Amino acid sequence: MSGSIDVHTHYVPRGWPDLGSVEEPAPWLRIDSERDAMIMMGSTEFRAIQDNCWDAEVRIGEMDADGVDIQVLSPTPAFFSYGRSASQAAKISAIFNDLALDICAPAPDRLLPFCQVPLQDTDAACRELERSIANGHRGVEIGNHVGDRDLDSAGIVTFLQHAARLNVPVFVHPWDMARSPRLDRWMAQWLTGMPAETHLSILAMILGGVFDRIDPGLRICFAHGGGSFAFWVGRMDNAWHQRHDVIGTSEHPPSHYLGRFHTDSVVFDHRALKLLVDTIGVDRVMLGSDYPYPLGERPAGRVIHTSPDLGEAERRAILRGNAETFLGL
């Protein structure tokens, strides 16, 4: 194969067992036609989806049209269930992880599943990671926080250490953005909240000292080009030096850690991609599309293919080579 590898796509099964509870509205799928469905949160419509979320044949047809050889299929963050009890979240994780294997089974060399875990319970998360990897998952997707706990929280760091020990790649996706009347307009949670959440999660790993003490072999990638992080590295370094009494909680300034993580490429603009590549390194950016959702990039990799700033070797690295290393292919 010589096509690209897309490290940021999502799946939704075509139905699942009842997840009902009194704790919060349970997600379920309303089937509207052979091709169309609606993710429901209790009685509330959450997102309209189509059969490219669950049908391997449809996905592969669209991958071929975009020149994509391999997709990483990660859970849709709405199903993380971090707000539920650990036992319920573990049950939900197992259900969706097993259904993901079914979705990928028709094309195991082209569709690579990433599991989800009950991240609110470290032991349960580690158990589900081990179970899922043994069953055929190739990595894990986690949310960027659990309630008010960021990625520098002790339990989450222990989980990341366990992933590093197992040599399992980790994909971090923002979720559960703050809500307010100001953010409820214009999809502002997605347009401003998601980039800010991802920025904050990288900052937490730096200023929370995670990169100073965790295994440097940890393979971790942040969605959506790392949010707004790349644009503000200079501001963060300046603050680290000028307000070291407050911010000097890491051994080095934030820019020192740019080689410790990857991001995907889904920034939609040549100028943004150039800034991202120049800031975090051409070897640290991988094609991601956010397929099959409306805010994703189609064709996958369009901005990479048409960038006037990339040489052919750089283009090949972002489209495929970096992901081969990250995924251990």
C-alpha atoms as a PDB file:
ATOM      1  CA  MET A   1       0.000   0.000   0.000  1.00  0.00           C
ATOM      2  CA  SER A   2       1.159   3.526  -0.742  1.00  0.00           C
ATOM      3  CA  GLY A   3      -1.865   5.633   0.206  1.00  0.00           C
ATOM      4  CA  SER A   4      -2.337   7.625   3.365  1.00  0.00           C
ATOM      5  CA  ILE A   5      -3.149   6.703   6.961  1.00  0.00           C
ATOM      6  CA  ASP A   6      -5.895   8.654   8.725  1.00  0.00           C
ATOM      7  CA  VAL A   7      -5.385   8.592  12.506  1.00  0.00           C
ATOM      8  CA  HIS A   8      -8.534  10.538  13.411  1.00  0.00           C
ATOM      9  CA  THR A   9     -11.843   8.973  12.428  1.00  0.00           C
ATOM     10  CA  HIS A  10     -14.824   7.848  14.460  1.00  0.00           C
ATOM     11  CA  TYR A  11     -17.334   5.018  14.408  1.00  0.00           C
ATOM     12  CA  VAL A  12     -20.815   4.477  15.795  1.00  0.00           C
ATOM     13  CA  PRO A  13     -22.323   0.979  15.898  1.00  0.00           C
ATOM     14  CA  ARG A  14     -25.743   0.382  14.330  1.00  0.00           C
ATOM     15  CA  GLY A  15     -27.349  -0.101  17.704  1.00  0.00           C
ATOM     16  CA  TRP A  16     -26.306  -1.480  21.085  1.00  0.00           C
ATOM     17  CA  PRO A  17     -27.897  -2.938  24.234  1.00  0.00           C
ATOM     18  CA  ASP A  18     -29.891  -0.682  26.547  1.00  0.00           C
ATOM     19  CA  LEU A  19     -27.532   1.513  28.575  1.00  0.00           C
ATOM     20  CA  GLY A  20     -30.273   3.077  30.669  1.00  0.00           C
ATOM     21  CA  SER A  21     -29.590   4.462  34.111  1.00  0.00           C
ATOM     22  CA  VAL A  22     -30.962   7.080  36.440  1.00  0.00           C
ATOM     23  CA  GLU A  23     -27.618   8.885  36.560  1.00  0.00           C
ATOM     24  CA  GLU A  24     -27.841  10.680  33.208  1.00  0.00           C
ATOM     25  CA  PRO A  25     -29.673  10.303  29.892  1.00  0.00           C
ATOM     26  CA  ALA A  26     -28.522   7.121  28.188  1.00  0.00           C
ATOM     27  CA  PRO A  27     -27.286   7.238  24.585  1.00  0.00           C
ATOM     28  CA  TRP A  28     -29.252   5.164  22.109  1.00  0.00           C
ATOM     29  CA  LEU A  29     -29.597   5.057  18.341  1.00  0.00           C
ATOM     30  CA  ARG A  30     -32.797   5.937  16.537  1.00  0.00           C
ATOM     31  CA  ILE A  31     -32.775   4.180  13.172  1.00  0.00           C
ATOM     32  CA  ASP A  32     -34.422   6.443  10.575  1.00  0.00           C
ATOM     33  CA  SER A  33     -33.669   4.436   7.411  1.00  0.00           C
ATOM     34  CA  GLU A  34     -31.236   1.859   6.071  1.00  0.00           C
ATOM     35  CA  ARG A  35     -28.600   4.599   5.778  1.00  0.00           C
ATOM     36  CA  ASP A  36     -29.636   7.202   8.332  1.00  0.00           C
ATOM     37  CA  ALA A  37     -29.790   7.280  12.117  1.00  0.00           C
ATOM     38  CA  MET A  38     -29.820   9.742  15.001  1.00  0.00           C
ATOM     39  CA  ILE A  39     -27.699   9.486  18.145  1.00  0.00           C
ATOM     40  CA  MET A  40     -30.078  10.218  21.001  1.00  0.00           C
ATOM     41  CA  MET A  41     -29.243  11.292  24.538  1.00  0.00           C
ATOM     42  CA  GLY A  42     -32.362  10.249  26.357  1.00  0.00           C
ATOM     43  CA  SER A  43     -35.093  12.126  24.483  1.00  0.00           C
ATOM     44  CA  THR A  44     -32.711  14.720  22.981  1.00  0.00           C
ATOM     45  CA  GLU A  45     -31.353  14.505  19.436  1.00  0.00           C
ATOM     46  CA  PHE A  46     -27.560  14.678  19.604  1.00  0.00           C
ATOM     47  CA  ARG A  47     -26.222  14.018  16.095  1.00  0.00           C
ATOM     48  CA  ALA A  48     -27.509  12.751  12.757  1.00  0.00           C
ATOM     49  CA  ILE A  49     -25.262  10.051  11.292  1.00  0.00           C
ATOM     50  CA  GLN A  50     -25.154   7.801   8.258  1.00  0.00           C
ATOM     51  CA  ASP A  51     -24.078   4.270   7.468  1.00  0.00           C
ATOM     52  CA  ASN A  52     -20.433   5.279   6.966  1.00  0.00           C
ATOM     53  CA  CYS A  53     -20.310   5.242  10.786  1.00  0.00           C
ATOM     54  CA  TRP A  54     -20.901   1.476  10.955  1.00  0.00           C
ATOM     55  CA  ASP A  55     -20.672  -0.082   7.485  1.00  0.00           C
ATOM     56  CA  ALA A  56     -17.134  -1.181   6.560  1.00  0.00           C
ATOM     57  CA  GLU A  57     -17.973  -1.441   2.869  1.00  0.00           C
ATOM     58  CA  VAL A  58     -19.237   2.134   2.740  1.00  0.00           C
ATOM     59  CA  ARG A  59     -16.194   3.386   4.669  1.00  0.00           C
ATOM     60  CA  ILE A  60     -13.758   1.605   2.391  1.00  0.00           C
ATOM     61  CA  GLY A  61     -15.451   3.019  -0.692  1.00  0.00           C
ATOM     62  CA  GLU A  62     -15.017   6.537   0.673  1.00  0.00           C
ATOM     63  CA  MET A  63     -11.459   5.785   1.789  1.00  0.00           C
ATOM     64  CA  ASP A  64     -10.591   4.630  -1.718  1.00  0.00           C
ATOM     65  CA  ALA A  65     -12.099   7.807  -3.154  1.00  0.00           C
ATOM     66  CA  ASP A  66      -9.860   9.871  -0.828  1.00  0.00           C
ATOM     67  CA  GLY A  67      -6.713   7.789  -1.373  1.00  0.00           C
ATOM     68  CA  VAL A  68      -6.711   6.545   2.236  1.00  0.00           C
ATOM     69  CA  ASP A  69      -5.326   3.055   2.799  1.00  0.00           C
ATOM     70  CA  ILE A  70      -5.838   2.806   6.561  1.00  0.00           C
ATOM     71  CA  GLN A  71      -8.150   4.443   9.077  1.00  0.00           C
ATOM     72  CA  VAL A  72      -7.894   4.434  12.847  1.00  0.00           C
ATOM     73  CA  LEU A  73     -11.455   4.100  14.160  1.00  0.00           C
ATOM     74  CA  SER A  74     -11.884   5.752  17.551  1.00  0.00           C
ATOM     75  CA  PRO A  75     -15.001   5.959  19.712  1.00  0.00           C
ATOM     76  CA  THR A  76     -17.312   8.929  19.436  1.00  0.00           C
ATOM     77  CA  PRO A  77     -16.568  10.877  22.647  1.00  0.00           C
ATOM     78  CA  ALA A  78     -20.258  11.157  23.542  1.00  0.00           C
ATOM     79  CA  PHE A  79     -20.025   7.526  24.660  1.00  0.00           C
ATOM     80  CA  PHE A  80     -17.066   7.921  27.051  1.00  0.00           C
ATOM     81  CA  SER A  81     -19.422   7.883  30.067  1.00  0.00           C
ATOM     82  CA  TYR A  82     -16.902   9.386  32.488  1.00  0.00           C
ATOM     83  CA  GLY A  83     -19.750  10.892  34.484  1.00  0.00           C
ATOM     84  CA  ARG A  84     -21.276   7.512  35.286  1.00  0.00           C
ATOM     85  CA  SER A  85     -20.239   5.035  37.955  1.00  0.00           C
ATOM     86  CA  ALA A  86     -17.038   3.142  37.198  1.00  0.00           C
ATOM     87  CA  SER A  87     -18.914  -0.152  36.873  1.00  0.00           C
ATOM     88  CA  GLN A  88     -21.384   1.308  34.376  1.00  0.00           C
ATOM     89  CA  ALA A  89     -18.630   3.005  32.390  1.00  0.00           C
ATOM     90  CA  ALA A  90     -16.646  -0.248  32.291  1.00  0.00           C
ATOM     91  CA  LYS A  91     -19.705  -2.092  30.964  1.00  0.00           C
ATOM     92  CA  ILE A  92     -20.340   0.566  28.314  1.00  0.00           C
ATOM     93  CA  SER A  93     -16.672   0.587  27.281  1.00  0.00           C
ATOM     94  CA  ALA A  94     -16.674  -3.190  26.850  1.00  0.00           C
ATOM     95  CA  ILE A  95     -19.878  -3.090  24.783  1.00  0.00           C
ATOM     96  CA  PHE A  96     -18.600  -0.425  22.395  1.00  0.00           C
ATOM     97  CA  ASN A  97     -15.117  -1.915  22.183  1.00  0.00           C
ATOM     98  CA  ASP A  98     -16.512  -5.290  21.153  1.00  0.00           C
ATOM     99  CA  LEU A  99     -18.837  -3.673  18.609  1.00  0.00           C
ATOM    100  CA  ALA A 100     -15.862  -1.752  17.165  1.00  0.00           C
ATOM    101  CA  LEU A 101     -14.114  -5.048  16.494  1.00  0.00           C
ATOM    102  CA  ASP A 102     -17.186  -6.227  14.587  1.00  0.00           C
ATOM    103  CA  ILE A 103     -17.193  -3.066  12.468  1.00  0.00           C
ATOM    104  CA  CYS A 104     -13.499  -3.470  11.606  1.00  0.00           C
ATOM    105  CA  ALA A 105     -13.597  -7.244  11.072  1.00  0.00           C
ATOM    106  CA  PRO A 106     -14.391  -7.150   7.315  1.00  0.00           C
ATOM    107  CA  ALA A 107     -11.141  -5.242   6.611  1.00  0.00           C
ATOM    108  CA  PRO A 108      -8.723  -5.769   9.524  1.00  0.00           C
ATOM    109  CA  ASP A 109      -5.704  -4.500   7.570  1.00  0.00           C
ATOM    110  CA  ARG A 110      -7.431  -1.229   6.687  1.00  0.00           C
ATOM    111  CA  LEU A 111      -9.667  -0.485   9.682  1.00  0.00           C
ATOM    112  CA  LEU A 112      -7.756  -0.289  12.971  1.00  0.00           C
ATOM    113  CA  PRO A 113      -9.884   0.037  16.123  1.00  0.00           C
ATOM    114  CA  PHE A 114      -8.944   2.153  19.122  1.00  0.00           C
ATOM    115  CA  CYS A 115     -10.737   1.303  22.358  1.00  0.00           C
ATOM    116  CA  GLN A 116     -12.267   3.438  25.077  1.00  0.00           C
ATOM    117  CA  VAL A 117     -11.815   2.927  28.812  1.00  0.00           C
ATOM    118  CA  PRO A 118     -13.556   3.979  32.057  1.00  0.00           C
ATOM    119  CA  LEU A 119     -10.928   6.612  32.765  1.00  0.00           C
ATOM    120  CA  GLN A 120     -12.582   7.722  36.018  1.00  0.00           C
ATOM    121  CA  ASP A 121     -11.342   4.456  37.604  1.00  0.00           C
ATOM    122  CA  THR A 122      -7.647   3.775  37.008  1.00  0.00           C
ATOM    123  CA  ASP A 123      -7.716   0.054  37.761  1.00  0.00           C
ATOM    124  CA  ALA A 124     -10.817  -0.517  35.636  1.00  0.00           C
ATOM    125  CA  ALA A 125      -9.324   1.547  32.802  1.00  0.00           C
ATOM    126  CA  CYS A 126      -6.121  -0.504  32.849  1.00  0.00           C
ATOM    127  CA  ARG A 127      -8.099  -3.759  32.864  1.00  0.00           C
ATOM    128  CA  GLU A 128     -10.243  -2.721  29.906  1.00  0.00           C
ATOM    129  CA  LEU A 129      -7.172  -1.540  28.003  1.00  0.00           C
ATOM    130  CA  GLU A 130      -5.507  -4.918  28.493  1.00  0.00           C
ATOM    131  CA  ARG A 131      -8.680  -6.801  27.522  1.00  0.00           C
ATOM    132  CA  SER A 132      -9.213  -4.701  24.410  1.00  0.00           C
ATOM    133  CA  ILE A 133      -5.623  -4.937  23.200  1.00  0.00           C
ATOM    134  CA  ALA A 134      -5.708  -8.709  23.695  1.00  0.00           C
ATOM    135  CA  ASN A 135      -8.884  -8.838  21.593  1.00  0.00           C
ATOM    136  CA  GLY A 136      -7.419  -6.874  18.694  1.00  0.00           C
ATOM    137  CA  HIS A 137      -7.585  -3.154  19.407  1.00  0.00           C
ATOM    138  CA  ARG A 138      -4.536  -1.214  18.254  1.00  0.00           C
ATOM    139  CA  GLY A 139      -4.636   1.741  20.639  1.00  0.00           C
ATOM    140  CA  VAL A 140      -6.855   3.757  22.959  1.00  0.00           C
ATOM    141  CA  GLU A 141      -8.735   7.026  22.709  1.00  0.00           C
ATOM    142  CA  ILE A 142      -9.267   9.017  25.891  1.00  0.00           C
ATOM    143  CA  GLY A 143     -11.021  12.277  26.663  1.00  0.00           C
ATOM    144  CA  ASN A 144      -8.889  15.247  27.622  1.00  0.00           C
ATOM    145  CA  HIS A 145     -10.259  15.418  31.175  1.00  0.00           C
ATOM    146  CA  VAL A 146     -12.458  13.570  33.667  1.00  0.00           C
ATOM    147  CA  GLY A 147     -14.645  16.141  35.363  1.00  0.00           C
ATOM    148  CA  ASP A 148     -12.251  18.644  36.904  1.00  0.00           C
ATOM    149  CA  ARG A 149      -9.276  16.275  36.631  1.00  0.00           C
ATOM    150  CA  ASP A 150      -6.853  17.091  33.825  1.00  0.00           C
ATOM    151  CA  LEU A 151      -4.281  14.774  32.276  1.00  0.00           C
ATOM    152  CA  ASP A 152      -1.832  15.487  35.114  1.00  0.00           C
ATOM    153  CA  SER A 153      -4.189  13.877  37.641  1.00  0.00           C
ATOM    154  CA  ALA A 154      -2.434  11.005  39.411  1.00  0.00           C
ATOM    155  CA  GLY A 155      -4.849   8.294  38.273  1.00  0.00           C
ATOM    156  CA  ILE A 156      -4.740   9.393  34.658  1.00  0.00           C
ATOM    157  CA  VAL A 157      -0.941   9.583  34.728  1.00  0.00           C
ATOM    158  CA  THR A 158      -0.869   6.031  36.089  1.00  0.00           C
ATOM    159  CA  PHE A 159      -3.072   4.943  33.172  1.00  0.00           C
ATOM    160  CA  LEU A 160      -0.790   6.688  30.675  1.00  0.00           C
ATOM    161  CA  GLN A 161       2.213   4.985  32.250  1.00  0.00           C
ATOM    162  CA  HIS A 162       0.427   1.665  31.829  1.00  0.00           C
ATOM    163  CA  ALA A 163      -0.247   2.431  28.157  1.00  0.00           C
ATOM    164  CA  ALA A 164       3.429   3.285  27.685  1.00  0.00           C
ATOM    165  CA  ARG A 165       4.436   0.051  29.419  1.00  0.00           C
ATOM    166  CA  LEU A 166       2.191  -1.918  27.049  1.00  0.00           C
ATOM    167  CA  ASN A 167       3.494   0.112  24.080  1.00  0.00           C
ATOM    168  CA  VAL A 168      -0.054   1.209  23.237  1.00  0.00           C
ATOM    169  CA  PRO A 169      -0.575   4.501  21.360  1.00  0.00           C
ATOM    170  CA  VAL A 170      -2.962   7.032  22.932  1.00  0.00           C
ATOM    171  CA  PHE A 171      -5.222   9.450  21.063  1.00  0.00           C
ATOM    172  CA  VAL A 172      -6.583  12.374  23.109  1.00  0.00           C
ATOM    173  CA  HIS A 173      -9.865  13.907  22.002  1.00  0.00           C
ATOM    174  CA  PRO A 174     -11.609  16.914  23.593  1.00  0.00           C
ATOM    175  CA  TRP A 175     -15.054  16.375  25.007  1.00  0.00           C
ATOM    176  CA  ASP A 176     -17.523  17.714  27.585  1.00  0.00           C
ATOM    177  CA  MET A 177     -16.803  21.366  26.797  1.00  0.00           C
ATOM    178  CA  ALA A 178     -17.976  24.120  29.107  1.00  0.00           C
ATOM    179  CA  ARG A 179     -21.462  25.474  28.454  1.00  0.00           C
ATOM    180  CA  SER A 180     -22.863  28.967  28.858  1.00  0.00           C
ATOM    181  CA  PRO A 181     -25.293  31.194  26.973  1.00  0.00           C
ATOM    182  CA  ARG A 182     -22.292  32.673  25.151  1.00  0.00           C
ATOM    183  CA  LEU A 183     -20.947  29.269  24.127  1.00  0.00           C
ATOM    184  CA  ASP A 184     -24.312  27.835  23.119  1.00  0.00           C
ATOM    185  CA  ARG A 185     -24.465  30.104  20.051  1.00  0.00           C
ATOM    186  CA  TRP A 186     -22.997  29.274  16.646  1.00  0.00           C
ATOM    187  CA  MET A 187     -21.594  25.908  17.768  1.00  0.00           C
ATOM    188  CA  ALA A 188     -19.090  27.949  19.791  1.00  0.00           C
ATOM    189  CA  GLN A 189     -18.391  24.928  22.018  1.00  0.00           C
ATOM    190  CA  TRP A 190     -16.912  23.234  18.964  1.00  0.00           C
ATOM    191  CA  LEU A 191     -15.352  26.316  17.367  1.00  0.00           C
ATOM    192  CA  THR A 192     -13.683  27.785  20.469  1.00  0.00           C
ATOM    193  CA  GLY A 193     -14.210  25.278  23.278  1.00  0.00           C
ATOM    194  CA  MET A 194     -12.629  22.260  21.583  1.00  0.00           C
ATOM    195  CA  PRO A 195      -9.388  24.046  20.591  1.00  0.00           C
ATOM    196  CA  ALA A 196      -9.122  25.513  24.093  1.00  0.00           C
ATOM    197  CA  GLU A 197      -9.738  22.141  25.768  1.00  0.00           C
ATOM    198  CA  THR A 198      -6.992  20.469  23.732  1.00  0.00           C
ATOM    199  CA  HIS A 199      -4.591  23.349  24.393  1.00  0.00           C
ATOM    200  CA  LEU A 200      -5.299  23.008  28.123  1.00  0.00           C
ATOM    201  CA  SER A 201      -4.731  19.254  28.124  1.00  0.00           C
ATOM    202  CA  ILE A 202      -1.279  19.617  26.538  1.00  0.00           C
ATOM    203  CA  LEU A 203      -0.462  22.425  28.961  1.00  0.00           C
ATOM    204  CA  ALA A 204      -1.539  20.214  31.882  1.00  0.00           C
ATOM    205  CA  MET A 205       0.892  17.500  30.788  1.00  0.00           C
ATOM    206  CA  ILE A 206       3.678  20.076  30.626  1.00  0.00           C
ATOM    207  CA  LEU A 207       3.083  22.303  33.661  1.00  0.00           C
ATOM    208  CA  GLY A 208       1.697  19.365  35.641  1.00  0.00           C
ATOM    209  CA  GLY A 209       5.098  17.707  35.239  1.00  0.00           C
ATOM    210  CA  VAL A 210       3.789  14.665  33.396  1.00  0.00           C
ATOM    211  CA  PHE A 211       6.343  14.807  30.600  1.00  0.00           C
ATOM    212  CA  ASP A 212       9.091  15.223  33.216  1.00  0.00           C
ATOM    213  CA  ARG A 213       8.289  11.942  34.936  1.00  0.00           C
ATOM    214  CA  ILE A 214       6.452   9.697  32.474  1.00  0.00           C
ATOM    215  CA  ASP A 215       8.147   7.189  30.182  1.00  0.00           C
ATOM    216  CA  PRO A 216       9.455   9.149  27.179  1.00  0.00           C
ATOM    217  CA  GLY A 217       8.379   6.198  25.049  1.00  0.00           C
ATOM    218  CA  LEU A 218       4.721   7.145  25.528  1.00  0.00           C
ATOM    219  CA  ARG A 219       3.113   7.645  22.124  1.00  0.00           C
ATOM    220  CA  ILE A 220       0.408  10.270  22.535  1.00  0.00           C
ATOM    221  CA  CYS A 221      -1.418  12.299  19.885  1.00  0.00           C
ATOM    222  CA  PHE A 222      -3.771  15.241  20.364  1.00  0.00           C
ATOM    223  CA  ALA A 223      -6.723  15.855  18.050  1.00  0.00           C
ATOM    224  CA  HIS A 224      -7.494  18.916  15.922  1.00  0.00           C
ATOM    225  CA  GLY A 225      -3.890  19.988  15.452  1.00  0.00           C
ATOM    226  CA  GLY A 226      -3.407  20.252  19.206  1.00  0.00           C
ATOM    227  CA  GLY A 227      -6.048  22.974  19.386  1.00  0.00           C
ATOM    228  CA  SER A 228      -4.618  26.464  19.863  1.00  0.00           C
ATOM    229  CA  PHE A 229      -1.402  25.231  21.499  1.00  0.00           C
ATOM    230  CA  ALA A 230       0.995  25.748  18.571  1.00  0.00           C
ATOM    231  CA  PHE A 231      -0.052  29.382  18.103  1.00  0.00           C
ATOM    232  CA  TRP A 232       0.628  30.298  21.734  1.00  0.00           C
ATOM    233  CA  VAL A 233       3.902  28.506  22.530  1.00  0.00           C
ATOM    234  CA  GLY A 234       5.705  31.863  22.703  1.00  0.00           C
ATOM    235  CA  ARG A 235       3.151  33.263  25.144  1.00  0.00           C
ATOM    236  CA  MET A 236       3.483  30.199  27.369  1.00  0.00           C
ATOM    237  CA  ASP A 237       7.281  30.343  27.330  1.00  0.00           C
ATOM    238  CA  ASN A 238       7.190  34.038  28.173  1.00  0.00           C
ATOM    239  CA  ALA A 239       4.861  33.381  31.103  1.00  0.00           C
ATOM    240  CA  TRP A 240       7.068  30.508  32.307  1.00  0.00           C
ATOM    241  CA  HIS A 241      10.023  32.897  32.504  1.00  0.00           C
ATOM    242  CA  GLN A 242       8.247  36.072  33.655  1.00  0.00           C
ATOM    243  CA  ARG A 243       5.924  34.462  36.199  1.00  0.00           C
ATOM    244  CA  HIS A 244       8.061  31.506  37.199  1.00  0.00           C
ATOM    245  CA  ASP A 245       6.702  31.799  40.727  1.00  0.00           C
ATOM    246  CA  VAL A 246       3.310  30.634  39.430  1.00  0.00           C
ATOM    247  CA  ILE A 247       4.024  28.780  36.203  1.00  0.00           C
ATOM    248  CA  GLY A 248       7.479  27.303  36.729  1.00  0.00           C
ATOM    249  CA  THR A 249       6.076  23.930  37.729  1.00  0.00           C
ATOM    250  CA  SER A 250       7.819  21.997  34.961  1.00  0.00           C
ATOM    251  CA  GLU A 251      11.551  21.426  34.701  1.00  0.00           C
ATOM    252  CA  HIS A 252      11.737  23.307  31.412  1.00  0.00           C
ATOM    253  CA  PRO A 253       9.695  25.937  29.532  1.00  0.00           C
ATOM    254  CA  PRO A 254       6.791  24.595  27.447  1.00  0.00           C
ATOM    255  CA  SER A 255       8.628  24.724  24.108  1.00  0.00           C
ATOM    256  CA  HIS A 256      11.113  22.164  25.446  1.00  0.00           C
ATOM    257  CA  TYR A 257       8.424  19.464  25.297  1.00  0.00           C
ATOM    258  CA  LEU A 258       7.405  19.927  21.667  1.00  0.00           C
ATOM    259  CA  GLY A 259       9.036  16.637  20.694  1.00  0.00           C
ATOM    260  CA  ARG A 260       7.063  14.608  23.234  1.00  0.00           C
ATOM    261  CA  PHE A 261       3.703  14.419  21.482  1.00  0.00           C
ATOM    262  CA  HIS A 262       2.007  14.229  18.090  1.00  0.00           C
ATOM    263  CA  THR A 263      -1.004  16.023  16.684  1.00  0.00           C
ATOM    264  CA  ASP A 264      -3.271  15.307  13.776  1.00  0.00           C
ATOM    265  CA  SER A 265      -3.450  17.638  10.781  1.00  0.00           C
ATOM    266  CA  VAL A 266      -7.110  18.624  10.725  1.00  0.00           C
ATOM    267  CA  VAL A 267      -6.668  22.420  10.787  1.00  0.00           C
ATOM    268  CA  PHE A 268      -8.291  23.145   7.382  1.00  0.00           C
ATOM    269  CA  ASP A 269      -5.933  25.917   6.258  1.00  0.00           C
ATOM    270  CA  HIS A 270      -2.508  25.973   4.606  1.00  0.00           C
ATOM    271  CA  ARG A 271      -1.260  28.726   6.920  1.00  0.00           C
ATOM    272  CA  ALA A 272      -2.377  26.875  10.033  1.00  0.00           C
ATOM    273  CA  LEU A 273      -0.748  23.658   8.819  1.00  0.00           C
ATOM    274  CA  LYS A 274       2.525  25.483   8.141  1.00  0.00           C
ATOM    275  CA  LEU A 275       2.520  26.966  11.643  1.00  0.00           C
ATOM    276  CA  LEU A 276       1.764  23.562  13.136  1.00  0.00           C
ATOM    277  CA  VAL A 277       4.530  21.796  11.214  1.00  0.00           C
ATOM    278  CA  ASP A 278       7.044  24.573  11.890  1.00  0.00           C
ATOM    279  CA  THR A 279       6.213  24.556  15.605  1.00  0.00           C
ATOM    280  CA  ILE A 280       5.908  20.922  16.634  1.00  0.00           C
ATOM    281  CA  GLY A 281       7.963  19.364  13.836  1.00  0.00           C
ATOM    282  CA  VAL A 282       7.201  17.688  10.539  1.00  0.00           C
ATOM    283  CA  ASP A 283       7.808  14.304  12.160  1.00  0.00           C
ATOM    284  CA  ARG A 284       5.075  14.952  14.748  1.00  0.00           C
ATOM    285  CA  VAL A 285       2.073  15.754  12.531  1.00  0.00           C
ATOM    286  CA  MET A 286      -0.126  12.992  11.105  1.00  0.00           C
ATOM    287  CA  LEU A 287      -3.058  13.031   8.749  1.00  0.00           C
ATOM    288  CA  GLY A 288      -6.348  13.228  10.616  1.00  0.00           C
ATOM    289  CA  SER A 289      -9.721  14.025   9.081  1.00  0.00           C
ATOM    290  CA  ASP A 290     -12.401  13.644  11.803  1.00  0.00           C
ATOM    291  CA  TYR A 291     -14.270  11.436   9.319  1.00  0.00           C
ATOM    292  CA  PRO A 292     -17.199  10.906   8.958  1.00  0.00           C
ATOM    293  CA  TYR A 293     -18.547  13.963  10.769  1.00  0.00           C
ATOM    294  CA  PRO A 294     -19.589  17.244   9.104  1.00  0.00           C
ATOM    295  CA  LEU A 295     -16.809  19.275  10.752  1.00  0.00           C
ATOM    296  CA  GLY A 296     -14.201  16.912   9.329  1.00  0.00           C
ATOM    297  CA  GLU A 297     -12.024  17.308   6.237  1.00  0.00           C
ATOM    298  CA  ARG A 298     -13.055  15.769   2.922  1.00  0.00           C
ATOM    299  CA  PRO A 299     -11.285  14.610   0.940  1.00  0.00           C
ATOM    300  CA  ALA A 300      -9.118  13.464   3.827  1.00  0.00           C
ATOM    301  CA  GLY A 301      -5.723  15.168   3.633  1.00  0.00           C
ATOM    302  CA  ARG A 302      -6.831  17.863   1.191  1.00  0.00           C
ATOM    303  CA  VAL A 303      -4.822  20.604   2.931  1.00  0.00           C
ATOM    304  CA  ILE A 304      -1.708  18.400   3.076  1.00  0.00           C
ATOM    305  CA  HIS A 305      -1.961  17.425  -0.600  1.00  0.00           C
ATOM    306  CA  THR A 306      -2.392  21.033  -1.734  1.00  0.00           C
ATOM    307  CA  SER A 307      -0.017  22.767   0.686  1.00  0.00           C
ATOM    308  CA  PRO A 308       2.489  25.016  -1.117  1.00  0.00           C
ATOM    309  CA  ASP A 309       4.803  24.872   1.894  1.00  0.00           C
ATOM    310  CA  LEU A 310       5.558  21.128   2.040  1.00  0.00           C
ATOM    311  CA  GLY A 311       8.186  19.248   0.080  1.00  0.00           C
ATOM    312  CA  GLU A 312       7.309  15.793  -1.188  1.00  0.00           C
ATOM    313  CA  ALA A 313       9.237  14.021   1.588  1.00  0.00           C
ATOM    314  CA  GLU A 314       7.438  16.113   4.209  1.00  0.00           C
ATOM    315  CA  ARG A 315       4.097  15.441   2.554  1.00  0.00           C
ATOM    316  CA  ARG A 316       4.731  11.683   2.562  1.00  0.00           C
ATOM    317  CA  ALA A 317       5.729  11.770   6.223  1.00  0.00           C
ATOM    318  CA  ILE A 318       2.539  13.549   7.289  1.00  0.00           C
ATOM    319  CA  LEU A 319       0.293  11.461   5.065  1.00  0.00           C
ATOM    320  CA  ARG A 320       1.732   8.097   6.062  1.00  0.00           C
ATOM    321  CA  GLY A 321       5.234   7.710   7.458  1.00  0.00           C
ATOM    322  CA  ASN A 322       4.681   9.367  10.826  1.00  0.00           C
ATOM    323  CA  ALA A 323       1.553   7.318  11.425  1.00  0.00           C
ATOM    324  CA  GLU A 324       3.363   4.089  10.597  1.00  0.00           C
ATOM    325  CA  THR A 325       5.796   4.902  13.404  1.00  0.00           C
ATOM    326  CA  PHE A 326       3.106   6.092  15.824  1.00  0.00           C
ATOM    327  CA  LEU A 327       0.947   3.007  15.262  1.00  0.00           C
ATOM    328  CA  GLY A 328       3.864   0.592  15.243  1.00  0.00           C
ATOM    329  CA  LEU A 329       3.015  -0.727  11.785  1.00  0.00           C
END
